[in-house]
Amino acid sequence: MRVPRRSSINDAHAIDSGNETDRGALRRIGARGRSEMPEEEQDEQVIPLVEEAVRVDKRQTVLGKVRVRTEVDSIEQVVRDTLTDETVEVTRVPIDRRVDQVPEIRTENGVTIVPIIEERLVVEKQLFLKEELHIRRDVKTETVEVPVTLRSERAIVERFDANGKPLPEESTS
């Protein structure tokens, strides 16, 4: 930044007050009250501007330590549930009867009947019901008890201070 500056009697007055600025003024105007600065510098003077900057540094400090470990606890428990067992009985029933069309699969009194068809070569082709499969379902239900082992984990946190001394223990399930 440049500021216009002229040497004058005011500089001589500033000399009488005795501060640092006044001594600089004394050097500029000389003994006869005139400036010794070259003519082109007498009109302008450079004033340096200064700026400060801040730098922030961070560092890590160990205040303590933590160790986490897990333990498995096992407990025996009896689990109760209902199991269903279904068995199927197949009985072949010979029929050997001529039919005009394929019979449908049907259910009678809880028995599923599946027709088995064959073609026989005669002078003409005829459809015969050879046999039927009678399928009966037998459903049994029983309650069982089976011992099982259940496992669960719990975390144990061990804390240490900066000197490595253990701190009181906390248990988390």
Protein backbone atom coordinates (compact mmCIF):
# COMPACT_ATOMS: atom_id res chain seq x y z
CA MET A 1 0.00 0.00 0.00
CA ARG A 2 1.41 3.38 -0.91
CA VAL A 3 0.57 6.50 1.08
CA PRO A 4 1.45 10.01 -0.19
CA ARG A 5 3.90 11.66 2.21
CA ARG A 6 5.39 15.16 2.14
CA SER A 7 8.14 16.38 4.35
CA SER A 8 7.23 19.64 6.04
CA ILE A 9 7.41 21.61 9.22
CA ASN A 10 5.01 19.06 10.76
CA ASP A 11 7.89 16.58 10.57
CA ALA A 12 10.03 19.04 12.52
CA HIS A 13 7.29 19.32 15.16
CA ALA A 14 7.16 15.49 15.38
CA ILE A 15 10.91 15.49 16.09
CA ASP A 16 10.43 17.56 19.25
CA SER A 17 8.08 15.00 20.84
CA GLY A 18 10.92 12.42 21.08
CA ASN A 19 9.18 9.16 20.05
CA GLU A 20 10.42 6.60 17.49
CA THR A 21 8.37 8.04 14.64
CA ASP A 22 9.93 11.44 15.40
CA ARG A 23 13.48 10.08 15.04
CA GLY A 24 12.57 8.68 11.62
CA ALA A 25 11.18 12.04 10.64
CA LEU A 26 14.46 13.67 11.75
CA ARG A 27 16.44 11.44 9.42
CA ARG A 28 14.14 12.27 6.52
CA ILE A 29 14.22 16.10 6.72
CA GLY A 30 17.89 16.62 7.63
CA ALA A 31 19.37 19.57 9.57
CA ARG A 32 17.96 22.35 7.36
CA GLY A 33 14.33 21.19 7.57
CA ARG A 34 14.42 19.77 4.04
CA SER A 35 14.01 16.16 3.04
CA GLU A 36 17.11 14.29 1.88
CA MET A 37 14.96 11.74 0.02
CA PRO A 38 15.05 11.86 -3.80
CA GLU A 39 12.38 14.05 -5.31
CA GLU A 40 10.28 11.13 -6.72
CA GLU A 41 10.23 9.34 -3.30
CA GLN A 42 9.13 12.42 -1.38
CA ASP A 43 5.56 12.13 -2.69
CA GLU A 44 5.14 8.41 -1.95
CA GLN A 45 6.27 6.17 0.82
CA VAL A 46 5.79 2.35 1.13
CA ILE A 47 4.31 1.00 4.35
CA PRO A 48 4.60 -2.80 4.66
CA LEU A 49 1.49 -4.64 5.86
CA VAL A 50 2.03 -7.70 8.02
CA GLU A 51 -0.35 -10.58 8.59
CA GLU A 52 -0.11 -13.38 11.14
CA ALA A 53 -1.21 -16.95 10.49
CA VAL A 54 -1.95 -19.67 12.98
CA ARG A 55 -1.01 -23.36 12.63
CA VAL A 56 -2.75 -25.92 14.80
CA ASP A 57 -1.14 -29.32 15.39
CA LYS A 58 -2.82 -32.29 17.04
CA ARG A 59 -1.23 -35.28 18.66
CA GLN A 60 -2.66 -38.47 20.06
CA THR A 61 -2.29 -39.17 23.74
CA VAL A 62 -2.90 -42.58 25.27
CA LEU A 63 -5.21 -42.16 28.24
CA GLY A 64 -5.97 -45.85 28.72
CA LYS A 65 -6.50 -49.18 26.97
CA VAL A 66 -9.45 -51.50 26.44
CA ARG A 67 -9.42 -55.28 25.90
CA VAL A 68 -12.62 -57.07 24.87
CA ARG A 69 -12.92 -60.85 25.07
CA THR A 70 -15.87 -63.19 24.79
CA GLU A 71 -16.81 -66.23 26.79
CA VAL A 72 -19.38 -68.88 25.85
CA ASP A 73 -21.81 -70.03 28.52
CA SER A 74 -23.58 -73.38 27.92
CA ILE A 75 -26.81 -74.36 29.61
CA GLU A 76 -28.75 -77.62 29.25
CA GLN A 77 -32.41 -77.16 28.39
CA VAL A 78 -35.21 -79.56 27.48
CA VAL A 79 -37.01 -78.56 24.31
CA ARG A 80 -40.57 -79.84 23.90
CA ASP A 81 -42.23 -80.01 20.50
CA THR A 82 -44.75 -82.11 18.59
CA LEU A 83 -43.59 -84.37 15.77
CA THR A 84 -45.94 -85.72 13.11
CA ASP A 85 -45.22 -89.03 11.36
CA GLU A 86 -47.28 -89.99 8.35
CA THR A 87 -47.15 -93.44 6.78
CA VAL A 88 -48.76 -94.49 3.53
CA GLU A 89 -50.14 -97.97 2.81
CA VAL A 90 -50.60 -98.99 -0.82
CA THR A 91 -52.98 -101.85 -1.62
CA ARG A 92 -53.36 -103.21 -5.16
CA VAL A 93 -56.98 -104.08 -5.99
CA PRO A 94 -57.38 -106.12 -9.24
CA ILE A 95 -60.36 -104.92 -11.31
CA ASP A 96 -59.86 -106.21 -14.92
CA ARG A 97 -62.91 -104.41 -16.35
CA ARG A 98 -63.34 -102.75 -19.73
CA VAL A 99 -63.83 -98.94 -19.58
CA ASP A 100 -64.64 -96.38 -22.27
CA GLN A 101 -62.58 -93.53 -20.82
CA VAL A 102 -59.77 -93.04 -18.29
CA PRO A 103 -61.25 -92.81 -14.77
CA GLU A 104 -60.31 -89.79 -12.61
CA ILE A 105 -58.21 -90.03 -9.45
CA ARG A 106 -60.69 -89.92 -6.56
CA THR A 107 -60.87 -90.06 -2.76
CA GLU A 108 -63.36 -92.26 -0.89
CA ASN A 109 -63.49 -92.42 2.95
CA GLY A 110 -59.98 -90.94 3.32
CA VAL A 111 -58.54 -93.39 0.73
CA THR A 112 -57.08 -91.98 -2.50
CA ILE A 113 -57.81 -94.23 -5.48
CA VAL A 114 -55.48 -94.04 -8.50
CA PRO A 115 -56.69 -96.00 -11.57
CA ILE A 116 -54.07 -98.02 -13.50
CA ILE A 117 -54.92 -98.36 -17.18
CA GLU A 118 -53.58 -100.65 -19.90
CA GLU A 119 -54.46 -101.06 -23.51
CA ARG A 120 -55.03 -104.55 -24.83
CA LEU A 121 -54.86 -105.55 -28.44
CA VAL A 122 -57.99 -107.26 -29.51
CA VAL A 123 -59.53 -107.23 -32.94
CA GLU A 124 -60.40 -103.79 -31.89
CA LYS A 125 -58.73 -101.73 -29.29
CA GLN A 126 -60.53 -101.62 -25.94
CA LEU A 127 -59.76 -99.89 -22.71
CA PHE A 128 -59.60 -102.08 -19.60
CA LEU A 129 -59.25 -101.04 -15.98
CA LYS A 130 -56.49 -103.38 -14.88
CA GLU A 131 -56.28 -102.44 -11.21
CA GLU A 132 -56.64 -99.62 -8.71
CA LEU A 133 -54.21 -98.44 -6.08
CA HIS A 134 -55.90 -97.75 -2.78
CA ILE A 135 -53.76 -95.42 -0.66
CA ARG A 136 -54.65 -95.07 3.00
CA ARG A 137 -52.92 -92.50 5.21
CA ASP A 138 -52.17 -93.17 8.83
CA VAL A 139 -51.14 -90.05 10.82
CA LYS A 140 -49.62 -90.39 14.30
CA THR A 141 -48.77 -87.48 16.56
CA GLU A 142 -46.43 -87.75 19.52
CA THR A 143 -44.79 -85.29 21.86
CA VAL A 144 -41.04 -85.73 22.35
CA GLU A 145 -38.50 -84.21 24.71
CA VAL A 146 -34.95 -83.84 23.42
CA PRO A 147 -32.08 -82.36 25.46
CA VAL A 148 -30.22 -79.62 23.58
CA THR A 149 -27.30 -77.37 24.48
CA LEU A 150 -27.90 -73.66 23.95
CA ARG A 151 -24.93 -71.32 23.88
CA SER A 152 -24.79 -67.57 24.35
CA GLU A 153 -21.87 -65.17 24.32
CA ARG A 154 -21.15 -62.37 26.72
CA ALA A 155 -18.52 -59.66 26.24
CA ILE A 156 -16.03 -58.87 28.98
CA VAL A 157 -14.45 -55.42 28.66
CA GLU A 158 -11.20 -54.87 30.51
CA ARG A 159 -10.09 -51.25 30.82
CA PHE A 160 -6.61 -50.04 31.68
CA ASP A 161 -5.43 -46.56 32.61
CA ALA A 162 -2.49 -44.81 30.93
CA ASN A 163 -0.04 -46.62 33.25
CA GLY A 164 -1.42 -50.05 32.33
CA LYS A 165 -3.26 -50.60 35.63
CA PRO A 166 -6.58 -52.42 35.25
CA LEU A 167 -9.72 -50.38 35.93
CA PRO A 168 -12.92 -51.94 37.41
CA GLU A 169 -14.39 -54.62 35.11
CA GLU A 170 -17.75 -54.33 33.31
CA SER A 171 -19.71 -57.36 32.07
CA THR A 172 -22.12 -57.10 29.12
CA SER A 173 -24.43 -59.96 28.10
